Amino acid sequence: FLYDNYQSFSDFQQNNSLEHLTINSCIDPLHFFSSIEFYKNLKVLNIENNILYKISKRIVIDVHDLPKLKKISLNSGNFTIIHIKFGEKNTELRELELPACNLPENWFYNISFNMHILNDIRSFSYFKNNLSLYDLYCVSFMNNCNFFDIFCCIFHNCRFSDIFTVNKTYKISELYIFGLNLNNHDIFAIRNLKLLTHICISIDLIPSSAIYLFKYKYFERLQSLDLSNNEPTININEESDLEEETTVVKEVEENA
């Protein structure tokens, strides 16, 4: 559903049937935010990028009473004025999308998350935002997440490898981290993602030997490797690619 003004939206306040709400280009979006909590069957909440610039005060979205909510998406904009509250009842939440929102460090940490909710997240998109060590502490609880996208994030006094704790097994199958400068600790953390099938990284920001290790030693299930340098995605299952790149790696090692 897409609502351009509050008048057309008000009819739904009489029942609980609303399941998918997209707020975009509203005349007065504060009315929508104040009524979200009344829709007990709401499953998807999508807030678009062009509705908050004329709002000066802080907006609090309390989804404690939305037990069926499966997805929250804040798309492309400056959403620093939004604070989201979560409670014990949000057991259905599986997708959390906060891409390119210009969020500062500690923003994610300051959300009132219950860590058990984060454990149930299956898809997480947070690219082009800022991350602190406190933020990464929260993210570390997403060990059941399959789709993980934090490309071009800015890390403040922390590193990518700080996400992963030694006593947890992470189920990430798709990992998007291009634009991140990775060191040996980060490479080791990626190596421990045994279910990884697709990874997108920046070839010029990782050690040259890591490409060989990614493809032929660390990941038995890896199907594609996107190097994000305007080169085509490499299909791991193509034998011609395998033979050619193995030869290149050997030549590099011999000349080192």
Protein backbone atom coordinates (compact mmCIF):
# COMPACT_ATOMS: atom_id res chain seq x y z
CA PHE A 1 0.00 0.00 0.00
CA LEU A 2 1.18 3.52 -0.81
CA TYR A 3 -0.52 6.47 0.90
CA ASP A 4 0.02 10.04 -0.17
CA ASN A 5 -1.99 11.65 2.62
CA TYR A 6 -3.48 10.82 5.95
CA GLN A 7 -7.09 11.13 4.81
CA SER A 8 -6.84 8.15 2.47
CA PHE A 9 -5.12 6.16 5.20
CA SER A 10 -7.59 6.85 8.01
CA ASP A 11 -10.11 4.23 6.89
CA PHE A 12 -7.74 1.47 7.93
CA GLN A 13 -7.73 2.66 11.51
CA GLN A 14 -11.07 0.94 11.97
CA ASN A 15 -9.68 -2.57 11.58
CA ASN A 16 -6.54 -4.67 11.91
CA SER A 17 -6.36 -5.95 8.34
CA LEU A 18 -3.37 -3.91 7.18
CA GLU A 19 -0.32 -6.11 6.53
CA HIS A 20 1.98 -4.10 4.24
CA LEU A 21 2.53 -0.37 4.77
CA THR A 22 4.75 1.89 2.66
CA ILE A 23 4.97 5.53 3.71
CA ASN A 24 6.18 7.77 0.90
CA SER A 25 5.64 11.41 -0.12
CA CYS A 26 3.20 12.12 2.69
CA ILE A 27 1.85 15.57 3.43
CA ASP A 28 2.07 14.97 7.17
CA PRO A 29 3.85 11.67 7.96
CA LEU A 30 3.63 12.18 11.73
CA HIS A 31 0.05 10.91 11.62
CA PHE A 32 1.25 7.62 10.17
CA PHE A 33 4.00 7.16 12.71
CA SER A 34 1.63 7.81 15.59
CA SER A 35 -0.78 5.10 14.42
CA ILE A 36 1.55 2.31 13.30
CA GLU A 37 1.36 0.49 16.62
CA PHE A 38 -2.39 -0.07 16.23
CA TYR A 39 -2.05 -2.43 13.27
CA LYS A 40 -1.58 -5.79 14.96
CA ASN A 41 -1.36 -7.73 11.69
CA LEU A 42 1.26 -5.51 10.08
CA LYS A 43 3.97 -7.64 8.49
CA VAL A 44 6.00 -5.18 6.39
CA LEU A 45 6.85 -1.58 7.26
CA ASN A 46 8.63 0.41 4.54
CA ILE A 47 9.56 4.07 5.04
CA GLU A 48 10.82 5.82 1.91
CA ASN A 49 13.49 8.46 1.68
CA ASN A 50 11.73 11.75 1.02
CA ILE A 51 9.33 12.23 3.90
CA LEU A 52 11.44 13.22 6.90
CA TYR A 53 13.36 16.28 5.83
CA LYS A 54 10.61 18.66 6.93
CA ILE A 55 10.32 17.06 10.38
CA SER A 56 12.51 18.50 13.11
CA LYS A 57 11.52 16.54 16.20
CA ARG A 58 12.55 13.00 17.06
CA ILE A 59 10.27 10.21 15.88
CA VAL A 60 9.83 7.08 17.97
CA ILE A 61 8.48 3.94 16.33
CA ASP A 62 7.46 1.47 19.00
CA VAL A 63 6.85 -1.90 17.40
CA HIS A 64 6.55 -3.74 20.70
CA ASP A 65 2.88 -4.39 19.96
CA LEU A 66 3.38 -5.58 16.37
CA PRO A 67 3.87 -9.31 16.98
CA LYS A 68 3.55 -10.28 13.29
CA LEU A 69 6.06 -7.80 11.88
CA LYS A 70 8.46 -9.63 9.55
CA LYS A 71 10.29 -6.82 7.79
CA ILE A 72 11.37 -3.24 8.52
CA SER A 73 12.87 -1.19 5.72
CA LEU A 74 14.13 2.41 5.89
CA ASN A 75 15.25 3.27 2.39
CA SER A 76 17.96 5.74 1.39
CA GLY A 77 17.95 8.90 3.39
CA ASN A 78 18.95 10.54 6.65
CA PHE A 79 16.97 8.74 9.33
CA THR A 80 18.91 9.85 12.38
CA ILE A 81 15.75 11.34 13.87
CA ILE A 82 14.07 7.94 14.01
CA HIS A 83 14.32 5.73 17.07
CA ILE A 84 12.94 2.20 16.86
CA LYS A 85 11.89 0.31 19.97
CA PHE A 86 11.67 -3.47 20.05
CA GLY A 87 10.25 -5.70 22.73
CA GLU A 88 9.94 -9.36 23.62
CA LYS A 89 6.92 -9.84 21.36
CA ASN A 90 8.68 -9.20 18.04
CA THR A 91 9.44 -12.85 17.44
CA GLU A 92 8.54 -12.84 13.72
CA LEU A 93 11.03 -10.20 12.56
CA ARG A 94 13.29 -11.72 9.88
CA GLU A 95 14.40 -8.85 7.61
CA LEU A 96 16.04 -5.59 8.67
CA GLU A 97 16.95 -3.12 5.93
CA LEU A 98 18.60 0.21 6.78
CA PRO A 99 20.64 0.93 3.64
CA ALA A 100 22.43 4.22 2.91
CA CYS A 101 20.65 6.05 5.72
CA ASN A 102 23.74 8.02 6.79
CA LEU A 103 23.40 6.54 10.26
CA PRO A 104 26.12 7.58 12.75
CA GLU A 105 28.19 5.23 14.88
CA ASN A 106 26.32 3.73 17.87
CA TRP A 107 22.93 4.30 16.18
CA PHE A 108 22.31 0.58 15.85
CA TYR A 109 23.46 -0.04 19.41
CA ASN A 110 21.11 2.64 20.76
CA ILE A 111 18.06 0.92 19.30
CA SER A 112 16.18 -0.86 22.07
CA PHE A 113 16.89 -4.34 20.70
CA ASN A 114 16.32 -7.59 22.46
CA MET A 115 19.24 -9.80 21.46
CA HIS A 116 16.94 -12.78 20.93
CA ILE A 117 15.26 -10.80 18.15
CA LEU A 118 18.59 -10.26 16.41
CA ASN A 119 19.24 -13.98 16.60
CA ASP A 120 16.19 -14.55 14.39
CA ILE A 121 17.21 -12.08 11.65
CA ARG A 122 17.71 -13.83 8.29
CA SER A 123 18.45 -10.80 6.08
CA PHE A 124 20.42 -7.71 7.16
CA SER A 125 21.22 -4.71 4.96
CA TYR A 126 23.14 -1.81 6.51
CA PHE A 127 25.45 -0.61 3.76
CA LYS A 128 26.93 2.89 3.59
CA ASN A 129 26.41 3.61 7.29
CA ASN A 130 28.76 4.09 10.25
CA LEU A 131 29.61 1.30 12.67
CA SER A 132 31.21 1.29 16.11
CA LEU A 133 32.42 -1.58 18.27
CA TYR A 134 29.13 -1.35 20.20
CA ASP A 135 27.18 -1.68 16.96
CA LEU A 136 29.20 -4.74 15.99
CA TYR A 137 28.47 -6.28 19.39
CA CYS A 138 24.77 -6.20 18.51
CA VAL A 139 25.36 -7.44 14.99
CA SER A 140 27.30 -10.41 16.38
CA PHE A 141 24.02 -11.86 17.65
CA MET A 142 22.79 -12.35 14.06
CA ASN A 143 24.41 -15.76 13.79
CA ASN A 144 21.38 -17.17 11.91
CA CYS A 145 21.50 -14.46 9.24
CA ASN A 146 21.82 -15.75 5.65
CA PHE A 147 22.02 -12.47 3.68
CA PHE A 148 24.52 -9.97 5.10
CA ASP A 149 25.25 -6.64 3.39
CA ILE A 150 27.48 -3.96 4.95
CA PHE A 151 29.39 -2.78 1.90
CA CYS A 152 31.11 0.61 2.08
CA CYS A 153 30.38 0.99 5.80
CA ILE A 154 32.75 3.18 7.81
CA PHE A 155 34.22 1.38 10.83
CA HIS A 156 35.12 3.56 13.82
CA ASN A 157 37.86 2.03 15.99
CA CYS A 158 36.80 -1.48 15.03
CA ARG A 159 37.15 -3.98 12.20
CA PHE A 160 34.99 -6.39 10.22
CA SER A 161 36.35 -9.35 12.17
CA ASP A 162 34.97 -7.89 15.42
CA ILE A 163 31.51 -9.00 14.33
CA PHE A 164 32.21 -12.67 14.84
CA THR A 165 32.57 -14.32 18.23
CA VAL A 166 34.47 -17.57 18.64
CA ASN A 167 31.68 -19.41 20.43
CA LYS A 168 29.08 -18.97 17.66
CA THR A 169 28.52 -20.59 14.29
CA TYR A 170 27.39 -18.13 11.63
CA LYS A 171 25.09 -19.19 8.79
CA ILE A 172 25.88 -16.42 6.28
CA SER A 173 25.56 -17.65 2.70
CA GLU A 174 25.65 -14.27 0.89
CA LEU A 175 28.17 -11.68 2.05
CA TYR A 176 28.55 -8.18 0.56
CA ILE A 177 31.57 -6.32 1.92
CA PHE A 178 33.09 -4.52 -1.05
CA GLY A 179 34.60 -1.19 -0.15
CA LEU A 180 36.01 -2.60 3.09
CA ASN A 181 39.75 -2.72 3.67
CA LEU A 182 40.37 -6.21 5.03
CA ASN A 183 43.39 -7.39 7.00
CA ASN A 184 44.50 -10.91 7.93
CA HIS A 185 42.15 -11.10 10.93
CA ASP A 186 39.22 -10.23 8.68
CA ILE A 187 40.24 -12.88 6.14
CA PHE A 188 40.45 -15.46 8.92
CA ALA A 189 36.94 -14.51 10.09
CA ILE A 190 35.57 -14.93 6.57
CA ARG A 191 37.28 -18.30 6.29
CA ASN A 192 35.17 -19.58 9.19
CA LEU A 193 31.92 -18.93 7.31
CA LYS A 194 31.47 -22.51 6.18
CA LEU A 195 28.07 -21.98 4.49
CA LEU A 196 29.19 -19.11 2.27
CA THR A 197 28.08 -19.47 -1.37
CA HIS A 198 28.52 -15.90 -2.64
CA ILE A 199 30.90 -13.14 -1.58
CA CYS A 200 31.35 -9.63 -2.95
CA ILE A 201 34.64 -7.92 -2.04
CA SER A 202 37.01 -5.28 -3.39
CA ILE A 203 40.00 -6.94 -5.02
CA ASP A 204 42.24 -3.93 -4.42
CA LEU A 205 41.50 -3.89 -0.67
CA ILE A 206 42.52 -7.44 0.24
CA PRO A 207 45.84 -9.35 0.13
CA SER A 208 46.40 -10.81 -3.35
CA SER A 209 46.82 -14.33 -1.98
CA ALA A 210 43.37 -14.19 -0.38
CA ILE A 211 41.58 -14.66 -3.72
CA TYR A 212 43.19 -18.06 -4.20
CA LEU A 213 42.47 -19.05 -0.62
CA PHE A 214 38.84 -17.96 -0.92
CA LYS A 215 38.16 -20.01 -4.00
CA TYR A 216 40.19 -23.16 -3.67
CA LYS A 217 40.97 -23.79 -0.03
CA TYR A 218 38.52 -22.14 2.36
CA PHE A 219 35.04 -22.48 0.88
CA GLU A 220 33.79 -25.83 -0.35
CA ARG A 221 30.37 -24.40 -1.20
CA LEU A 222 31.43 -21.09 -2.72
CA GLN A 223 29.64 -20.68 -6.06
CA SER A 224 30.53 -17.13 -7.09
CA LEU A 225 33.09 -14.48 -6.24
CA ASP A 226 32.34 -10.85 -7.12
CA LEU A 227 35.53 -8.80 -7.04
CA SER A 228 33.74 -5.45 -7.53
CA ASN A 229 36.37 -3.88 -9.74
CA ASN A 230 34.30 -3.78 -12.93
CA GLU A 231 35.27 -7.39 -13.60
CA PRO A 232 32.55 -9.99 -14.25
CA THR A 233 31.48 -12.25 -11.43
CA ILE A 234 33.49 -15.48 -11.45
CA ASN A 235 31.55 -18.74 -11.53
CA ILE A 236 33.47 -21.13 -9.32
CA ASN A 237 31.99 -24.15 -11.10
CA GLU A 238 33.45 -23.27 -14.51
CA GLU A 239 36.55 -25.43 -15.04
CA SER A 240 38.12 -23.04 -17.56
CA ASP A 241 38.09 -20.23 -15.01
CA LEU A 242 39.54 -22.55 -12.41
CA GLU A 243 42.46 -23.67 -14.57
CA GLU A 244 43.27 -20.16 -15.81
CA GLU A 245 43.22 -18.50 -12.39
CA THR A 246 45.18 -21.32 -10.74
CA THR A 247 47.92 -20.79 -13.32
CA VAL A 248 47.95 -17.05 -12.63
CA VAL A 249 48.20 -17.61 -8.88
CA LYS A 250 51.09 -20.05 -9.30
CA GLU A 251 52.96 -17.57 -11.49
CA VAL A 252 52.51 -14.85 -8.89
CA GLU A 253 53.74 -17.13 -6.12
CA GLU A 254 56.81 -18.18 -8.15
CA ASN A 255 57.74 -14.56 -8.85
CA ALA A 256 57.20 -13.42 -5.26
